[in-house]
Amino acid sequence: MITKEKALTAGLELFSEKGYSNVGLAEILETAEIPKGSFYHHFKSKEAFAIQVLERYSNCGLVIFKEALLEQSALSPKERIKSYYKDRANDFEQKQFVKGCLLGDSCSEGGVSEKFKTFVEDQLEKWEITIKHCLEEGKENNQISKELDTRMMASVILNGWEGAIFRMKSSKNRQPLDDFIQCLDLLI
């Protein structure tokens, strides 16, 4: 594996487990088994590195998210949304509720630049837009109320899920995720 790939893989693992602020450069270098000079050959700073880790995480996740919400035409949009979140809840349970959403976790990081915060917000907006498109399809097919504000509801769904993940991590059980999924029936 080339140096940059080793670093990004190590960063994803470390940031997912501990958060950006709780991981030092030395730990990244040790985990990736790369020298400091090689790191700085590929990344201007730890924060620039973190943005690339987050971008990779978001882009990979978005492929799966879009496929689940926008391409599974055998299910209604509401069923697609619920199915995606049920699958994610199962994934979190298999990982013993230790890791959450790296983008959501990054929202609460302190000591980061405006560029970092803006990047995270831009990535989350891509996820929200995907939910919005799924909801709009449901409205067009009369499977979701025509009165539903899809932008607002997409925001509520994304924010509710991220909040459920925080509670899942602190309680070390899936109940917050299951409660969120059950609430989707009330919301859409």
C-alpha atoms as a PDB file:
ATOM      1  CA  MET A   1       0.000   0.000   0.000  1.00  0.00           C
ATOM      2  CA  ILE A   2       1.404   3.406  -0.890  1.00  0.00           C
ATOM      3  CA  THR A   3       2.189   5.958   1.797  1.00  0.00           C
ATOM      4  CA  LYS A   4      -0.783   8.257   1.203  1.00  0.00           C
ATOM      5  CA  GLU A   5      -3.214   5.331   1.240  1.00  0.00           C
ATOM      6  CA  LYS A   6      -1.691   3.955   4.429  1.00  0.00           C
ATOM      7  CA  ALA A   7      -2.047   7.352   6.088  1.00  0.00           C
ATOM      8  CA  LEU A   8      -5.676   7.843   4.986  1.00  0.00           C
ATOM      9  CA  THR A   9      -6.612   4.330   6.098  1.00  0.00           C
ATOM     10  CA  ALA A  10      -4.976   4.883   9.484  1.00  0.00           C
ATOM     11  CA  GLY A  11      -6.639   8.293   9.821  1.00  0.00           C
ATOM     12  CA  LEU A  12     -10.075   6.884   9.117  1.00  0.00           C
ATOM     13  CA  GLU A  13      -9.643   4.174  11.732  1.00  0.00           C
ATOM     14  CA  LEU A  14      -8.177   6.485  14.376  1.00  0.00           C
ATOM     15  CA  PHE A  15     -10.584   9.387  13.850  1.00  0.00           C
ATOM     16  CA  SER A  16     -13.554   6.987  13.861  1.00  0.00           C
ATOM     17  CA  GLU A  17     -12.485   5.553  17.201  1.00  0.00           C
ATOM     18  CA  LYS A  18     -11.120   8.613  18.984  1.00  0.00           C
ATOM     19  CA  GLY A  19     -12.093  11.751  17.080  1.00  0.00           C
ATOM     20  CA  TYR A  20      -9.838  14.223  15.320  1.00  0.00           C
ATOM     21  CA  SER A  21      -8.806  16.193  18.402  1.00  0.00           C
ATOM     22  CA  ASN A  22      -7.845  13.073  20.366  1.00  0.00           C
ATOM     23  CA  VAL A  23      -5.422  11.765  17.757  1.00  0.00           C
ATOM     24  CA  GLY A  24      -1.933  13.159  17.466  1.00  0.00           C
ATOM     25  CA  LEU A  25       0.345  13.108  14.472  1.00  0.00           C
ATOM     26  CA  ALA A  26       2.693  10.622  16.159  1.00  0.00           C
ATOM     27  CA  GLU A  27      -0.166   8.137  16.523  1.00  0.00           C
ATOM     28  CA  ILE A  28      -1.122   8.547  12.871  1.00  0.00           C
ATOM     29  CA  LEU A  29       2.484   7.983  11.786  1.00  0.00           C
ATOM     30  CA  GLU A  30       2.866   4.938  14.028  1.00  0.00           C
ATOM     31  CA  THR A  31      -0.420   3.363  12.925  1.00  0.00           C
ATOM     32  CA  ALA A  32       0.289   4.016   9.234  1.00  0.00           C
ATOM     33  CA  GLU A  33       3.928   2.968   9.663  1.00  0.00           C
ATOM     34  CA  ILE A  34       5.181   5.971   7.727  1.00  0.00           C
ATOM     35  CA  PRO A  35       7.819   8.626   8.492  1.00  0.00           C
ATOM     36  CA  LYS A  36       6.891  12.237   9.245  1.00  0.00           C
ATOM     37  CA  GLY A  37       8.524  13.498   6.058  1.00  0.00           C
ATOM     38  CA  SER A  38       6.352  11.214   3.930  1.00  0.00           C
ATOM     39  CA  PHE A  39       3.246  12.469   5.717  1.00  0.00           C
ATOM     40  CA  TYR A  40       4.095  16.095   4.972  1.00  0.00           C
ATOM     41  CA  HIS A  41       4.939  15.211   1.383  1.00  0.00           C
ATOM     42  CA  HIS A  42       1.264  14.291   0.904  1.00  0.00           C
ATOM     43  CA  PHE A  43      -0.499  16.594   3.391  1.00  0.00           C
ATOM     44  CA  LYS A  44       0.127  20.251   4.307  1.00  0.00           C
ATOM     45  CA  SER A  45      -1.081  19.770   7.872  1.00  0.00           C
ATOM     46  CA  LYS A  46      -2.966  17.424  10.166  1.00  0.00           C
ATOM     47  CA  GLU A  47      -6.148  19.366   9.426  1.00  0.00           C
ATOM     48  CA  ALA A  48      -5.630  19.129   5.648  1.00  0.00           C
ATOM     49  CA  PHE A  49      -5.107  15.405   6.170  1.00  0.00           C
ATOM     50  CA  ALA A  50      -8.321  15.171   8.230  1.00  0.00           C
ATOM     51  CA  ILE A  51     -10.284  16.894   5.477  1.00  0.00           C
ATOM     52  CA  GLN A  52      -9.062  14.286   2.983  1.00  0.00           C
ATOM     53  CA  VAL A  53     -10.018  11.493   5.386  1.00  0.00           C
ATOM     54  CA  LEU A  54     -13.482  13.011   5.810  1.00  0.00           C
ATOM     55  CA  GLU A  55     -13.868  13.489   2.068  1.00  0.00           C
ATOM     56  CA  ARG A  56     -13.056   9.851   1.414  1.00  0.00           C
ATOM     57  CA  TYR A  57     -15.411   8.743   4.195  1.00  0.00           C
ATOM     58  CA  SER A  58     -18.240  10.921   2.894  1.00  0.00           C
ATOM     59  CA  ASN A  59     -17.789  10.034  -0.779  1.00  0.00           C
ATOM     60  CA  CYS A  60     -17.707   6.287  -0.099  1.00  0.00           C
ATOM     61  CA  GLY A  61     -20.727   6.521   2.177  1.00  0.00           C
ATOM     62  CA  LEU A  62     -22.661   8.680  -0.271  1.00  0.00           C
ATOM     63  CA  VAL A  63     -22.364   6.056  -2.997  1.00  0.00           C
ATOM     64  CA  ILE A  64     -24.078   3.524  -0.736  1.00  0.00           C
ATOM     65  CA  PHE A  65     -26.565   6.103   0.587  1.00  0.00           C
ATOM     66  CA  LYS A  66     -27.627   7.256  -2.887  1.00  0.00           C
ATOM     67  CA  GLU A  67     -27.970   3.688  -4.103  1.00  0.00           C
ATOM     68  CA  ALA A  68     -30.143   2.793  -1.108  1.00  0.00           C
ATOM     69  CA  LEU A  69     -32.353   5.901  -1.253  1.00  0.00           C
ATOM     70  CA  LEU A  70     -32.512   6.704  -4.953  1.00  0.00           C
ATOM     71  CA  GLU A  71     -32.032   3.468  -6.876  1.00  0.00           C
ATOM     72  CA  GLN A  72     -33.995   0.785  -5.008  1.00  0.00           C
ATOM     73  CA  SER A  73     -37.213   1.283  -6.963  1.00  0.00           C
ATOM     74  CA  ALA A  74     -38.785  -1.957  -5.668  1.00  0.00           C
ATOM     75  CA  LEU A  75     -39.332  -0.172  -2.334  1.00  0.00           C
ATOM     76  CA  SER A  76     -41.260   3.009  -1.650  1.00  0.00           C
ATOM     77  CA  PRO A  77     -39.128   6.033  -0.708  1.00  0.00           C
ATOM     78  CA  LYS A  78     -40.230   5.734   2.926  1.00  0.00           C
ATOM     79  CA  GLU A  79     -39.317   2.027   2.978  1.00  0.00           C
ATOM     80  CA  ARG A  80     -35.936   2.821   1.412  1.00  0.00           C
ATOM     81  CA  ILE A  81     -35.146   5.375   4.105  1.00  0.00           C
ATOM     82  CA  LYS A  82     -36.183   3.029   6.904  1.00  0.00           C
ATOM     83  CA  SER A  83     -34.308   0.092   5.356  1.00  0.00           C
ATOM     84  CA  TYR A  84     -31.101   2.096   5.053  1.00  0.00           C
ATOM     85  CA  TYR A  85     -31.201   3.183   8.685  1.00  0.00           C
ATOM     86  CA  LYS A  86     -32.079  -0.339   9.889  1.00  0.00           C
ATOM     87  CA  ASP A  87     -29.030  -1.652   8.033  1.00  0.00           C
ATOM     88  CA  ARG A  88     -26.832   1.033   9.587  1.00  0.00           C
ATOM     89  CA  ALA A  89     -28.193   0.235  13.065  1.00  0.00           C
ATOM     90  CA  ASN A  90     -27.245  -3.398  12.493  1.00  0.00           C
ATOM     91  CA  ASP A  91     -23.750  -2.306  11.428  1.00  0.00           C
ATOM     92  CA  PHE A  92     -23.323  -0.201  14.569  1.00  0.00           C
ATOM     93  CA  GLU A  93     -24.485  -3.112  16.711  1.00  0.00           C
ATOM     94  CA  GLN A  94     -21.959  -5.456  15.074  1.00  0.00           C
ATOM     95  CA  LYS A  95     -19.246  -2.907  15.914  1.00  0.00           C
ATOM     96  CA  GLN A  96     -20.476  -2.846  19.528  1.00  0.00           C
ATOM     97  CA  PHE A  97     -21.658   0.786  19.331  1.00  0.00           C
ATOM     98  CA  VAL A  98     -18.105   2.163  19.464  1.00  0.00           C
ATOM     99  CA  LYS A  99     -17.952   3.972  16.138  1.00  0.00           C
ATOM    100  CA  GLY A 100     -20.506   6.449  14.897  1.00  0.00           C
ATOM    101  CA  CYS A 101     -20.703   8.771  11.923  1.00  0.00           C
ATOM    102  CA  LEU A 102     -17.363  10.446  11.344  1.00  0.00           C
ATOM    103  CA  LEU A 103     -19.030  13.518   9.815  1.00  0.00           C
ATOM    104  CA  GLY A 104     -21.419  13.884  12.733  1.00  0.00           C
ATOM    105  CA  ASP A 105     -18.600  13.390  15.213  1.00  0.00           C
ATOM    106  CA  SER A 106     -16.586  16.052  13.408  1.00  0.00           C
ATOM    107  CA  CYS A 107     -19.335  18.639  14.008  1.00  0.00           C
ATOM    108  CA  SER A 108     -18.448  18.714  17.685  1.00  0.00           C
ATOM    109  CA  GLU A 109     -14.683  18.981  17.258  1.00  0.00           C
ATOM    110  CA  GLY A 110     -13.140  21.980  18.965  1.00  0.00           C
ATOM    111  CA  GLY A 111     -10.106  23.906  17.856  1.00  0.00           C
ATOM    112  CA  VAL A 112     -10.659  23.459  14.144  1.00  0.00           C
ATOM    113  CA  SER A 113     -10.625  26.130  11.444  1.00  0.00           C
ATOM    114  CA  GLU A 114     -13.621  27.614   9.668  1.00  0.00           C
ATOM    115  CA  LYS A 115     -12.457  25.744   6.562  1.00  0.00           C
ATOM    116  CA  PHE A 116     -12.782  22.451   8.443  1.00  0.00           C
ATOM    117  CA  LYS A 117     -16.238  23.345   9.799  1.00  0.00           C
ATOM    118  CA  THR A 118     -17.443  24.502   6.382  1.00  0.00           C
ATOM    119  CA  PHE A 119     -16.152  21.337   4.755  1.00  0.00           C
ATOM    120  CA  VAL A 120     -18.035  19.134   7.238  1.00  0.00           C
ATOM    121  CA  GLU A 121     -21.220  21.166   6.783  1.00  0.00           C
ATOM    122  CA  ASP A 122     -20.917  20.938   2.973  1.00  0.00           C
ATOM    123  CA  GLN A 123     -20.553  17.164   3.191  1.00  0.00           C
ATOM    124  CA  LEU A 124     -23.579  16.809   5.483  1.00  0.00           C
ATOM    125  CA  GLU A 125     -25.569  18.937   3.065  1.00  0.00           C
ATOM    126  CA  LYS A 126     -24.908  16.369   0.315  1.00  0.00           C
ATOM    127  CA  TRP A 127     -26.432  13.695   2.545  1.00  0.00           C
ATOM    128  CA  GLU A 128     -29.410  15.912   3.331  1.00  0.00           C
ATOM    129  CA  ILE A 129     -30.010  16.623  -0.366  1.00  0.00           C
ATOM    130  CA  THR A 130     -30.074  12.885  -1.052  1.00  0.00           C
ATOM    131  CA  ILE A 131     -32.802  12.416   1.566  1.00  0.00           C
ATOM    132  CA  LYS A 132     -34.684  15.382   0.082  1.00  0.00           C
ATOM    133  CA  HIS A 133     -34.610  13.832  -3.407  1.00  0.00           C
ATOM    134  CA  CYS A 134     -35.929  10.552  -2.013  1.00  0.00           C
ATOM    135  CA  LEU A 135     -38.764  12.357  -0.219  1.00  0.00           C
ATOM    136  CA  GLU A 136     -39.610  14.347  -3.358  1.00  0.00           C
ATOM    137  CA  GLU A 137     -39.941  11.101  -5.290  1.00  0.00           C
ATOM    138  CA  GLY A 138     -42.387   9.901  -2.658  1.00  0.00           C
ATOM    139  CA  LYS A 139     -44.433  13.081  -3.047  1.00  0.00           C
ATOM    140  CA  GLU A 140     -44.493  12.714  -6.837  1.00  0.00           C
ATOM    141  CA  ASN A 141     -45.708   9.108  -6.506  1.00  0.00           C
ATOM    142  CA  ASN A 142     -48.336  10.011  -3.875  1.00  0.00           C
ATOM    143  CA  GLN A 143     -46.552   7.818  -1.320  1.00  0.00           C
ATOM    144  CA  ILE A 144     -45.722  10.784   0.918  1.00  0.00           C
ATOM    145  CA  SER A 145     -47.980  13.736   1.736  1.00  0.00           C
ATOM    146  CA  LYS A 146     -47.901  16.537  -0.830  1.00  0.00           C
ATOM    147  CA  GLU A 147     -47.854  18.953   2.120  1.00  0.00           C
ATOM    148  CA  LEU A 148     -44.477  17.717   3.376  1.00  0.00           C
ATOM    149  CA  ASP A 149     -41.668  20.277   3.275  1.00  0.00           C
ATOM    150  CA  THR A 150     -38.980  17.946   1.909  1.00  0.00           C
ATOM    151  CA  ARG A 151     -36.056  20.253   2.685  1.00  0.00           C
ATOM    152  CA  MET A 152     -37.114  20.630   6.310  1.00  0.00           C
ATOM    153  CA  MET A 153     -37.931  16.941   6.729  1.00  0.00           C
ATOM    154  CA  ALA A 154     -34.610  15.883   5.197  1.00  0.00           C
ATOM    155  CA  SER A 155     -32.892  18.104   7.748  1.00  0.00           C
ATOM    156  CA  VAL A 156     -34.950  16.639  10.608  1.00  0.00           C
ATOM    157  CA  ILE A 157     -34.133  13.088   9.483  1.00  0.00           C
ATOM    158  CA  LEU A 158     -30.409  13.708   9.152  1.00  0.00           C
ATOM    159  CA  ASN A 159     -30.198  15.620  12.435  1.00  0.00           C
ATOM    160  CA  GLY A 160     -32.342  13.057  14.244  1.00  0.00           C
ATOM    161  CA  TRP A 161     -30.134  10.227  13.024  1.00  0.00           C
ATOM    162  CA  GLU A 162     -26.949  11.991  14.075  1.00  0.00           C
ATOM    163  CA  GLY A 163     -28.454  12.651  17.510  1.00  0.00           C
ATOM    164  CA  ALA A 164     -29.495   9.006  17.827  1.00  0.00           C
ATOM    165  CA  ILE A 165     -25.924   7.981  17.023  1.00  0.00           C
ATOM    166  CA  PHE A 166     -24.572  10.189  19.826  1.00  0.00           C
ATOM    167  CA  ARG A 167     -27.004   8.600  22.277  1.00  0.00           C
ATOM    168  CA  MET A 168     -26.157   5.111  20.974  1.00  0.00           C
ATOM    169  CA  LYS A 169     -22.470   5.679  21.601  1.00  0.00           C
ATOM    170  CA  SER A 170     -23.006   6.927  25.153  1.00  0.00           C
ATOM    171  CA  SER A 171     -25.525   4.228  26.107  1.00  0.00           C
ATOM    172  CA  LYS A 172     -23.726   1.426  24.205  1.00  0.00           C
ATOM    173  CA  ASN A 173     -27.013   0.038  22.875  1.00  0.00           C
ATOM    174  CA  ARG A 174     -29.191   0.364  19.796  1.00  0.00           C
ATOM    175  CA  GLN A 175     -32.359   1.656  21.465  1.00  0.00           C
ATOM    176  CA  PRO A 176     -31.812   5.288  20.351  1.00  0.00           C
ATOM    177  CA  LEU A 177     -31.400   4.072  16.756  1.00  0.00           C
ATOM    178  CA  ASP A 178     -34.496   1.880  16.922  1.00  0.00           C
ATOM    179  CA  ASP A 179     -36.500   4.761  18.435  1.00  0.00           C
ATOM    180  CA  PHE A 180     -35.385   7.007  15.592  1.00  0.00           C
ATOM    181  CA  ILE A 181     -36.342   4.429  12.952  1.00  0.00           C
ATOM    182  CA  GLN A 182     -39.754   3.923  14.553  1.00  0.00           C
ATOM    183  CA  CYS A 183     -40.305   7.706  14.580  1.00  0.00           C
ATOM    184  CA  LEU A 184     -39.846   7.795  10.810  1.00  0.00           C
ATOM    185  CA  ASP A 185     -43.378   6.353  10.534  1.00  0.00           C
ATOM    186  CA  LEU A 186     -44.675   9.409  12.381  1.00  0.00           C
ATOM    187  CA  LEU A 187     -42.596  11.870  10.374  1.00  0.00           C
ATOM    188  CA  ILE A 188     -43.076  10.726   6.773  1.00  0.00           C
END
